[in-house]
C-alpha atoms as a PDB file:
ATOM      1  CA  MET A   1     -17.149  43.482  32.104  1.00  0.00           C
ATOM      2  CA  ILE A   2     -14.016  44.649  31.556  1.00  0.00           C
ATOM      3  CA  LYS A   3     -11.584  42.006  31.854  1.00  0.00           C
ATOM      4  CA  ILE A   4      -8.654  42.471  33.615  1.00  0.00           C
ATOM      5  CA  LYS A   5      -5.666  40.353  32.471  1.00  0.00           C
ATOM      6  CA  SER A   6      -2.735  37.853  35.149  1.00  0.00           C
ATOM      7  CA  LYS A   7       0.517  39.077  34.254  1.00  0.00           C
ATOM      8  CA  ARG A   8       0.896  35.265  32.162  1.00  0.00           C
ATOM      9  CA  GLU A   9      -2.024  37.009  30.011  1.00  0.00           C
ATOM     10  CA  ILE A  10       0.445  40.304  29.384  1.00  0.00           C
ATOM     11  CA  ALA A  11       3.665  38.482  28.692  1.00  0.00           C
ATOM     12  CA  LEU A  12       1.129  35.930  25.979  1.00  0.00           C
ATOM     13  CA  MET A  13      -0.056  39.161  25.267  1.00  0.00           C
ATOM     14  CA  ARG A  14       4.142  41.060  24.992  1.00  0.00           C
ATOM     15  CA  ASP A  15       5.282  38.257  22.771  1.00  0.00           C
ATOM     16  CA  SER A  16       1.694  38.178  20.275  1.00  0.00           C
ATOM     17  CA  GLY A  17       2.700  42.555  20.300  1.00  0.00           C
ATOM     18  CA  LYS A  18       6.891  41.511  19.304  1.00  0.00           C
ATOM     19  CA  ILE A  19       5.434  39.542  16.021  1.00  0.00           C
ATOM     20  CA  ALA A  20       2.897  41.771  15.306  1.00  0.00           C
ATOM     21  CA  ALA A  21       5.826  45.341  15.471  1.00  0.00           C
ATOM     22  CA  SER A  22       7.710  43.052  13.312  1.00  0.00           C
ATOM     23  CA  VAL A  23       5.030  41.832  10.683  1.00  0.00           C
ATOM     24  CA  LEU A  24       4.680  45.846  10.102  1.00  0.00           C
ATOM     25  CA  LEU A  25       8.344  47.028  10.600  1.00  0.00           C
ATOM     26  CA  GLU A  26       9.012  44.960   7.518  1.00  0.00           C
ATOM     27  CA  LEU A  27       5.722  45.839   5.708  1.00  0.00           C
ATOM     28  CA  GLY A  28       6.162  49.971   6.237  1.00  0.00           C
ATOM     29  CA  GLU A  29      10.248  49.226   4.190  1.00  0.00           C
ATOM     30  CA  ALA A  30       7.510  46.780   1.579  1.00  0.00           C
ATOM     31  CA  ALA A  31       5.201  49.736   1.142  1.00  0.00           C
ATOM     32  CA  GLN A  32       7.733  51.250  -1.772  1.00  0.00           C
ATOM     33  CA  PRO A  33       5.592  51.899  -6.090  1.00  0.00           C
ATOM     34  CA  GLY A  34       5.114  49.750  -7.763  1.00  0.00           C
ATOM     35  CA  VAL A  35       3.710  47.060  -4.525  1.00  0.00           C
ATOM     36  CA  THR A  36       0.488  45.675  -4.187  1.00  0.00           C
ATOM     37  CA  THR A  37      -1.405  45.653  -1.018  1.00  0.00           C
ATOM     38  CA  ALA A  38      -2.319  42.014  -2.077  1.00  0.00           C
ATOM     39  CA  GLU A  39       0.853  41.395  -1.860  1.00  0.00           C
ATOM     40  CA  LEU A  40       1.303  43.010   1.120  1.00  0.00           C
ATOM     41  CA  ASP A  41      -0.844  41.424   2.327  1.00  0.00           C
ATOM     42  CA  LYS A  42       1.158  37.986   1.349  1.00  0.00           C
ATOM     43  CA  LEU A  43       3.461  39.002   2.672  1.00  0.00           C
ATOM     44  CA  ALA A  44       1.921  39.253   6.305  1.00  0.00           C
ATOM     45  CA  GLU A  45       0.038  36.456   6.752  1.00  0.00           C
ATOM     46  CA  ARG A  46       3.748  34.115   5.637  1.00  0.00           C
ATOM     47  CA  LEU A  47       6.066  36.511   8.464  1.00  0.00           C
ATOM     48  CA  ILE A  48       2.734  36.214  10.875  1.00  0.00           C
ATOM     49  CA  ARG A  49       2.494  32.225  10.602  1.00  0.00           C
ATOM     50  CA  SER A  50       6.440  31.535  10.290  1.00  0.00           C
ATOM     51  CA  ALA A  51       6.522  33.510  13.754  1.00  0.00           C
ATOM     52  CA  GLY A  52       4.331  30.766  14.842  1.00  0.00           C
ATOM     53  CA  GLY A  53       0.867  33.278  15.458  1.00  0.00           C
ATOM     54  CA  GLU A  54      -2.373  33.301  12.885  1.00  0.00           C
ATOM     55  CA  PRO A  55      -2.673  35.528  11.536  1.00  0.00           C
ATOM     56  CA  ALA A  56      -5.929  37.781  13.427  1.00  0.00           C
ATOM     57  CA  PHE A  57      -7.938  39.942  10.985  1.00  0.00           C
ATOM     58  CA  LEU A  58      -8.417  36.657   8.270  1.00  0.00           C
ATOM     59  CA  GLY A  59     -12.198  35.457   8.553  1.00  0.00           C
ATOM     60  CA  TYR A  60     -12.436  38.042  11.341  1.00  0.00           C
ATOM     61  CA  GLN A  61     -16.522  38.660  11.292  1.00  0.00           C
ATOM     62  CA  GLY A  62     -15.834  38.067   7.030  1.00  0.00           C
ATOM     63  CA  PHE A  63     -12.822  39.849   5.810  1.00  0.00           C
ATOM     64  CA  PRO A  64     -10.642  38.110   3.016  1.00  0.00           C
ATOM     65  CA  ALA A  65      -7.578  39.304   4.710  1.00  0.00           C
ATOM     66  CA  SER A  66      -4.806  39.305   7.193  1.00  0.00           C
ATOM     67  CA  ILE A  67      -4.325  42.727   6.815  1.00  0.00           C
ATOM     68  CA  CYS A  68      -5.944  46.529   6.564  1.00  0.00           C
ATOM     69  CA  ALA A  69      -4.827  48.410   3.750  1.00  0.00           C
ATOM     70  CA  SER A  70      -5.963  51.882   3.619  1.00  0.00           C
ATOM     71  CA  ILE A  71      -4.426  54.781   0.950  1.00  0.00           C
ATOM     72  CA  ASN A  72      -4.507  58.651   0.654  1.00  0.00           C
ATOM     73  CA  SER A  73      -8.519  58.856   1.599  1.00  0.00           C
ATOM     74  CA  GLU A  74      -9.412  55.936   3.316  1.00  0.00           C
ATOM     75  CA  VAL A  75      -9.033  56.101   7.021  1.00  0.00           C
ATOM     76  CA  VAL A  76      -9.734  52.097   7.968  1.00  0.00           C
ATOM     77  CA  HIS A  77     -11.023  48.437   6.832  1.00  0.00           C
ATOM     78  CA  GLY A  78      -9.740  49.141   2.935  1.00  0.00           C
ATOM     79  CA  ILE A  79      -9.479  45.083   1.846  1.00  0.00           C
ATOM     80  CA  PRO A  80      -5.667  44.387  -0.257  1.00  0.00           C
ATOM     81  CA  GLY A  81      -6.184  43.683  -3.825  1.00  0.00           C
ATOM     82  CA  LEU A  82      -4.206  44.628  -7.014  1.00  0.00           C
ATOM     83  CA  ARG A  83      -4.233  47.853  -6.356  1.00  0.00           C
ATOM     84  CA  ARG A  84      -0.514  49.277  -6.307  1.00  0.00           C
ATOM     85  CA  LEU A  85       1.016  51.972  -4.451  1.00  0.00           C
ATOM     86  CA  GLU A  86       2.484  55.576  -6.081  1.00  0.00           C
ATOM     87  CA  GLU A  87       4.876  57.701  -5.274  1.00  0.00           C
ATOM     88  CA  GLY A  88       3.702  60.616  -3.133  1.00  0.00           C
ATOM     89  CA  ASP A  89       0.583  57.768  -1.212  1.00  0.00           C
ATOM     90  CA  ILE A  90       0.350  56.987   1.818  1.00  0.00           C
ATOM     91  CA  ILE A  91      -0.741  54.233   3.960  1.00  0.00           C
ATOM     92  CA  SER A  92      -2.487  52.702   7.074  1.00  0.00           C
ATOM     93  CA  ILE A  93      -2.025  48.799   7.827  1.00  0.00           C
ATOM     94  CA  ASP A  94      -3.808  47.953  10.448  1.00  0.00           C
ATOM     95  CA  LEU A  95      -2.495  43.940  11.372  1.00  0.00           C
ATOM     96  CA  GLY A  96      -3.537  41.625  14.573  1.00  0.00           C
ATOM     97  CA  VAL A  97      -1.323  38.519  15.203  1.00  0.00           C
ATOM     98  CA  VAL A  98      -3.158  35.442  17.477  1.00  0.00           C
ATOM     99  CA  TRP A  99       0.016  33.655  19.782  1.00  0.00           C
ATOM    100  CA  LYS A 100      -0.966  31.065  22.265  1.00  0.00           C
ATOM    101  CA  GLY A 101      -4.824  32.956  22.285  1.00  0.00           C
ATOM    102  CA  TYR A 102      -4.409  36.268  22.819  1.00  0.00           C
ATOM    103  CA  TYR A 103      -4.504  39.008  21.023  1.00  0.00           C
ATOM    104  CA  SER A 104      -1.912  42.057  19.681  1.00  0.00           C
ATOM    105  CA  ASP A 105      -3.506  44.544  17.633  1.00  0.00           C
ATOM    106  CA  THR A 106      -0.891  47.761  15.931  1.00  0.00           C
ATOM    107  CA  ALA A 107      -1.420  49.965  12.970  1.00  0.00           C
ATOM    108  CA  ALA A 108       0.724  52.541  11.393  1.00  0.00           C
ATOM    109  CA  THR A 109       0.561  55.486   7.736  1.00  0.00           C
ATOM    110  CA  PHE A 110       3.751  54.690   5.858  1.00  0.00           C
ATOM    111  CA  GLY A 111       4.351  57.288   2.797  1.00  0.00           C
ATOM    112  CA  VAL A 112       5.383  55.661  -0.104  1.00  0.00           C
ATOM    113  CA  GLY A 113       8.403  56.992  -1.594  1.00  0.00           C
ATOM    114  CA  ARG A 114       8.617  61.067  -1.551  1.00  0.00           C
ATOM    115  CA  ILE A 115       5.508  62.505   0.112  1.00  0.00           C
ATOM    116  CA  SER A 116       3.932  66.338   0.166  1.00  0.00           C
ATOM    117  CA  PRO A 117       4.947  68.082   2.852  1.00  0.00           C
ATOM    118  CA  GLN A 118       1.104  68.240   4.308  1.00  0.00           C
ATOM    119  CA  ALA A 119       0.749  64.669   4.018  1.00  0.00           C
ATOM    120  CA  GLY A 120       4.279  64.368   6.355  1.00  0.00           C
ATOM    121  CA  ARG A 121       3.017  66.075   8.825  1.00  0.00           C
ATOM    122  CA  LEU A 122      -1.190  64.882   9.081  1.00  0.00           C
ATOM    123  CA  ILE A 123       1.180  61.255  10.002  1.00  0.00           C
ATOM    124  CA  ASP A 124       3.268  63.390  12.190  1.00  0.00           C
ATOM    125  CA  VAL A 125       0.475  64.800  14.378  1.00  0.00           C
ATOM    126  CA  THR A 126      -1.860  60.857  14.112  1.00  0.00           C
ATOM    127  CA  ARG A 127       1.701  59.444  15.260  1.00  0.00           C
ATOM    128  CA  GLN A 128       1.714  62.197  18.020  1.00  0.00           C
ATOM    129  CA  SER A 129      -1.294  61.972  19.291  1.00  0.00           C
ATOM    130  CA  LEU A 130      -2.260  58.523  19.931  1.00  0.00           C
ATOM    131  CA  GLU A 131       1.547  58.987  22.542  1.00  0.00           C
ATOM    132  CA  LYS A 132      -0.501  61.512  24.291  1.00  0.00           C
ATOM    133  CA  GLY A 133      -2.822  58.796  24.607  1.00  0.00           C
ATOM    134  CA  ILE A 134      -0.926  56.675  25.522  1.00  0.00           C
ATOM    135  CA  GLU A 135       1.224  58.754  28.464  1.00  0.00           C
ATOM    136  CA  ALA A 136      -2.955  59.717  29.498  1.00  0.00           C
ATOM    137  CA  MET A 137      -3.193  56.097  30.871  1.00  0.00           C
ATOM    138  CA  ARG A 138      -2.544  55.869  34.092  1.00  0.00           C
ATOM    139  CA  ALA A 139      -4.026  54.040  37.358  1.00  0.00           C
ATOM    140  CA  GLY A 140      -6.933  55.949  39.158  1.00  0.00           C
ATOM    141  CA  GLY A 141      -7.450  57.606  35.856  1.00  0.00           C
ATOM    142  CA  HIS A 142     -10.382  57.422  33.952  1.00  0.00           C
ATOM    143  CA  LEU A 143     -11.223  56.099  30.500  1.00  0.00           C
ATOM    144  CA  SER A 144     -12.021  59.737  28.654  1.00  0.00           C
ATOM    145  CA  ASP A 145      -8.160  60.436  29.666  1.00  0.00           C
ATOM    146  CA  ILE A 146      -7.022  59.115  26.946  1.00  0.00           C
ATOM    147  CA  SER A 147      -9.935  60.324  24.665  1.00  0.00           C
ATOM    148  CA  HIS A 148      -9.586  63.271  25.644  1.00  0.00           C
ATOM    149  CA  ALA A 149      -5.740  64.170  25.063  1.00  0.00           C
ATOM    150  CA  VAL A 150      -6.222  62.279  21.535  1.00  0.00           C
ATOM    151  CA  GLN A 151      -8.168  64.567  20.926  1.00  0.00           C
ATOM    152  CA  LYS A 152      -7.163  68.376  22.320  1.00  0.00           C
ATOM    153  CA  HIS A 153      -3.664  67.515  20.398  1.00  0.00           C
ATOM    154  CA  VAL A 154      -5.750  66.300  17.287  1.00  0.00           C
ATOM    155  CA  GLU A 155      -7.721  69.992  17.099  1.00  0.00           C
ATOM    156  CA  ALA A 156      -5.151  72.121  18.429  1.00  0.00           C
ATOM    157  CA  SER A 157      -3.085  71.268  15.016  1.00  0.00           C
ATOM    158  CA  GLY A 158      -5.760  71.776  12.579  1.00  0.00           C
ATOM    159  CA  TYR A 159      -7.584  67.691  12.126  1.00  0.00           C
ATOM    160  CA  ALA A 160     -10.221  66.112  12.446  1.00  0.00           C
ATOM    161  CA  VAL A 161     -10.904  62.756  14.930  1.00  0.00           C
ATOM    162  CA  VAL A 162     -12.532  60.603  13.058  1.00  0.00           C
ATOM    163  CA  TYR A 163     -15.932  60.174  15.536  1.00  0.00           C
ATOM    164  CA  SER A 164     -17.649  56.851  14.445  1.00  0.00           C
ATOM    165  CA  TYR A 165     -14.526  54.451  15.022  1.00  0.00           C
ATOM    166  CA  ALA A 166     -12.405  54.140  17.732  1.00  0.00           C
ATOM    167  CA  GLY A 167      -9.932  52.035  19.909  1.00  0.00           C
ATOM    168  CA  HIS A 168     -10.635  48.426  22.248  1.00  0.00           C
ATOM    169  CA  GLY A 169     -10.208  46.675  25.026  1.00  0.00           C
ATOM    170  CA  ILE A 170      -8.133  43.625  23.678  1.00  0.00           C
ATOM    171  CA  GLY A 171      -7.059  40.272  24.927  1.00  0.00           C
ATOM    172  CA  THR A 172      -8.178  36.639  24.456  1.00  0.00           C
ATOM    173  CA  GLU A 173     -10.910  38.110  21.618  1.00  0.00           C
ATOM    174  CA  MET A 174     -10.011  40.813  19.061  1.00  0.00           C
ATOM    175  CA  HIS A 175     -12.597  44.051  20.604  1.00  0.00           C
ATOM    176  CA  GLU A 176     -12.952  43.034  23.951  1.00  0.00           C
ATOM    177  CA  GLU A 177     -14.930  46.126  26.333  1.00  0.00           C
ATOM    178  CA  PRO A 178     -14.247  48.709  26.843  1.00  0.00           C
ATOM    179  CA  GLN A 179     -14.486  50.872  23.700  1.00  0.00           C
ATOM    180  CA  VAL A 180     -12.105  53.483  23.374  1.00  0.00           C
ATOM    181  CA  PRO A 181     -12.592  56.904  21.502  1.00  0.00           C
ATOM    182  CA  ASN A 182     -11.110  59.249  20.251  1.00  0.00           C
ATOM    183  CA  PHE A 183     -12.887  62.045  21.434  1.00  0.00           C
ATOM    184  CA  GLY A 184     -14.682  63.525  25.057  1.00  0.00           C
ATOM    185  CA  PRO A 185     -13.944  65.732  27.730  1.00  0.00           C
ATOM    186  CA  PRO A 186     -11.289  63.945  31.118  1.00  0.00           C
ATOM    187  CA  GLY A 187     -12.638  62.219  33.715  1.00  0.00           C
ATOM    188  CA  HIS A 188     -14.801  60.044  32.935  1.00  0.00           C
ATOM    189  CA  GLY A 189     -16.001  56.715  32.055  1.00  0.00           C
ATOM    190  CA  PRO A 190     -14.059  53.278  33.669  1.00  0.00           C
ATOM    191  CA  LYS A 191     -12.195  54.157  36.145  1.00  0.00           C
ATOM    192  CA  LEU A 192      -8.053  52.962  34.979  1.00  0.00           C
ATOM    193  CA  GLN A 193      -7.736  50.004  37.132  1.00  0.00           C
ATOM    194  CA  PRO A 194      -3.694  47.790  36.413  1.00  0.00           C
ATOM    195  CA  GLY A 195      -3.995  44.599  34.481  1.00  0.00           C
ATOM    196  CA  MET A 196      -6.272  46.645  32.142  1.00  0.00           C
ATOM    197  CA  VAL A 197      -4.925  45.997  27.826  1.00  0.00           C
ATOM    198  CA  LEU A 198      -6.902  48.524  25.286  1.00  0.00           C
ATOM    199  CA  ALA A 199      -5.601  49.578  21.507  1.00  0.00           C
ATOM    200  CA  ILE A 200      -5.375  53.585  21.382  1.00  0.00           C
ATOM    201  CA  GLU A 201      -6.175  53.441  17.824  1.00  0.00           C
ATOM    202  CA  PRO A 202      -6.609  57.119  16.614  1.00  0.00           C
ATOM    203  CA  MET A 203      -8.034  57.959  13.411  1.00  0.00           C
ATOM    204  CA  VAL A 204      -6.971  61.893  11.628  1.00  0.00           C
ATOM    205  CA  ASN A 205      -8.551  63.255   8.800  1.00  0.00           C
ATOM    206  CA  ALA A 206      -6.692  65.973   6.898  1.00  0.00           C
ATOM    207  CA  GLY A 207     -10.718  67.980   6.529  1.00  0.00           C
ATOM    208  CA  GLY A 208     -13.427  66.959   7.743  1.00  0.00           C
ATOM    209  CA  ALA A 209     -13.676  63.724  10.804  1.00  0.00           C
ATOM    210  CA  ALA A 210     -17.206  62.943   8.166  1.00  0.00           C
ATOM    211  CA  VAL A 211     -16.267  59.173   7.158  1.00  0.00           C
ATOM    212  CA  GLU A 212     -18.498  57.388   4.431  1.00  0.00           C
ATOM    213  CA  VAL A 213     -18.107  53.258   4.056  1.00  0.00           C
ATOM    214  CA  ALA A 214     -17.585  52.161   0.533  1.00  0.00           C
ATOM    215  CA  GLY A 215     -19.257  49.601  -1.626  1.00  0.00           C
ATOM    216  CA  ASP A 216     -17.420  46.691  -0.487  1.00  0.00           C
ATOM    217  CA  GLY A 217     -18.657  47.203   2.737  1.00  0.00           C
ATOM    218  CA  TRP A 218     -16.123  47.284   4.831  1.00  0.00           C
ATOM    219  CA  THR A 219     -13.210  50.770   3.193  1.00  0.00           C
ATOM    220  CA  VAL A 220     -13.750  53.700   5.243  1.00  0.00           C
ATOM    221  CA  LEU A 221     -13.650  57.014   3.132  1.00  0.00           C
ATOM    222  CA  THR A 222     -13.327  60.151   4.064  1.00  0.00           C
ATOM    223  CA  LYS A 223     -16.248  61.244   3.412  1.00  0.00           C
ATOM    224  CA  ASP A 224     -14.535  65.152   1.613  1.00  0.00           C
ATOM    225  CA  ARG A 225     -11.938  62.495  -0.048  1.00  0.00           C
ATOM    226  CA  SER A 226      -9.203  64.701   2.384  1.00  0.00           C
ATOM    227  CA  LEU A 227      -6.125  62.614   3.204  1.00  0.00           C
ATOM    228  CA  SER A 228      -6.086  60.062   6.684  1.00  0.00           C
ATOM    229  CA  ALA A 229      -3.743  58.691   9.043  1.00  0.00           C
ATOM    230  CA  HIS A 230      -3.821  56.103  11.462  1.00  0.00           C
ATOM    231  CA  PHE A 231      -1.749  55.187  13.853  1.00  0.00           C
ATOM    232  CA  GLU A 232      -2.316  52.250  17.201  1.00  0.00           C
ATOM    233  CA  HIS A 233      -1.108  50.393  19.645  1.00  0.00           C
ATOM    234  CA  SER A 234      -2.176  47.461  22.172  1.00  0.00           C
ATOM    235  CA  VAL A 235      -1.246  48.436  25.644  1.00  0.00           C
ATOM    236  CA  ALA A 236      -0.918  47.414  29.078  1.00  0.00           C
ATOM    237  CA  LEU A 237      -1.308  49.272  31.854  1.00  0.00           C
ATOM    238  CA  GLY A 238       0.585  48.037  35.019  1.00  0.00           C
ATOM    239  CA  LYS A 239       1.391  49.905  38.535  1.00  0.00           C
ATOM    240  CA  GLU A 240       3.967  52.278  36.908  1.00  0.00           C
ATOM    241  CA  GLY A 241       2.650  53.439  34.090  1.00  0.00           C
ATOM    242  CA  PRO A 242       1.729  51.691  29.944  1.00  0.00           C
ATOM    243  CA  GLU A 243       3.563  48.867  29.322  1.00  0.00           C
ATOM    244  CA  ILE A 244       3.143  49.180  24.803  1.00  0.00           C
ATOM    245  CA  MET A 245       3.304  45.210  23.497  1.00  0.00           C
ATOM    246  CA  THR A 246       3.343  46.109  20.021  1.00  0.00           C
ATOM    247  CA  ILE A 247       6.804  47.639  20.045  1.00  0.00           C
ATOM    248  CA  LEU A 248       9.829  45.939  19.544  1.00  0.00           C
END
């Protein structure tokens, strides 16, 4: 069942989202050559807790960290550790915050130092596909309008969306109904209504769409080891259109 949020709930989610957005911004600035992903994770936890929130990912279904840190060909769910970032890497950082019982979820891909033009274009297209998906989130439309907008932009740019993972509803739980795929024809699925809050999250590969899970049971990689990028916002639908919650 899709949960429709009240104005009070959306206000709380807005507060949660602002914490998440501020933390992600600081992590992006800290993602420099020589920094370990574990150091980024510690910074994230400290920032989230100092703002009065709780790290949503820590312990979620057994996940051992406050952020997912996915480098280069890692798509999502990378576990932070001793790996040091290197000049030219790209890193996707995904994080969530719980604030007064309400969740926010956001992600972005950052270049480490100077990156290749190819990596930069992948990041740009993935960010743009998220923007296209959000623009398609309109009351009276259908859920798959979002999915189609993402896929259309990605594939027109010569890249592939990941089929195996999707966005989701969000509220008092991290993952609520409905799932929000990044592919499909428009005009299908539940009707979009004011009060819906969705985490829209394109995962885009420079090569093929196929992915696989690493031996740690969490990290998802592109099967062909091409680069992958990931962007995400938690978005509330109002009568006038979508409102991005995870933005400052």
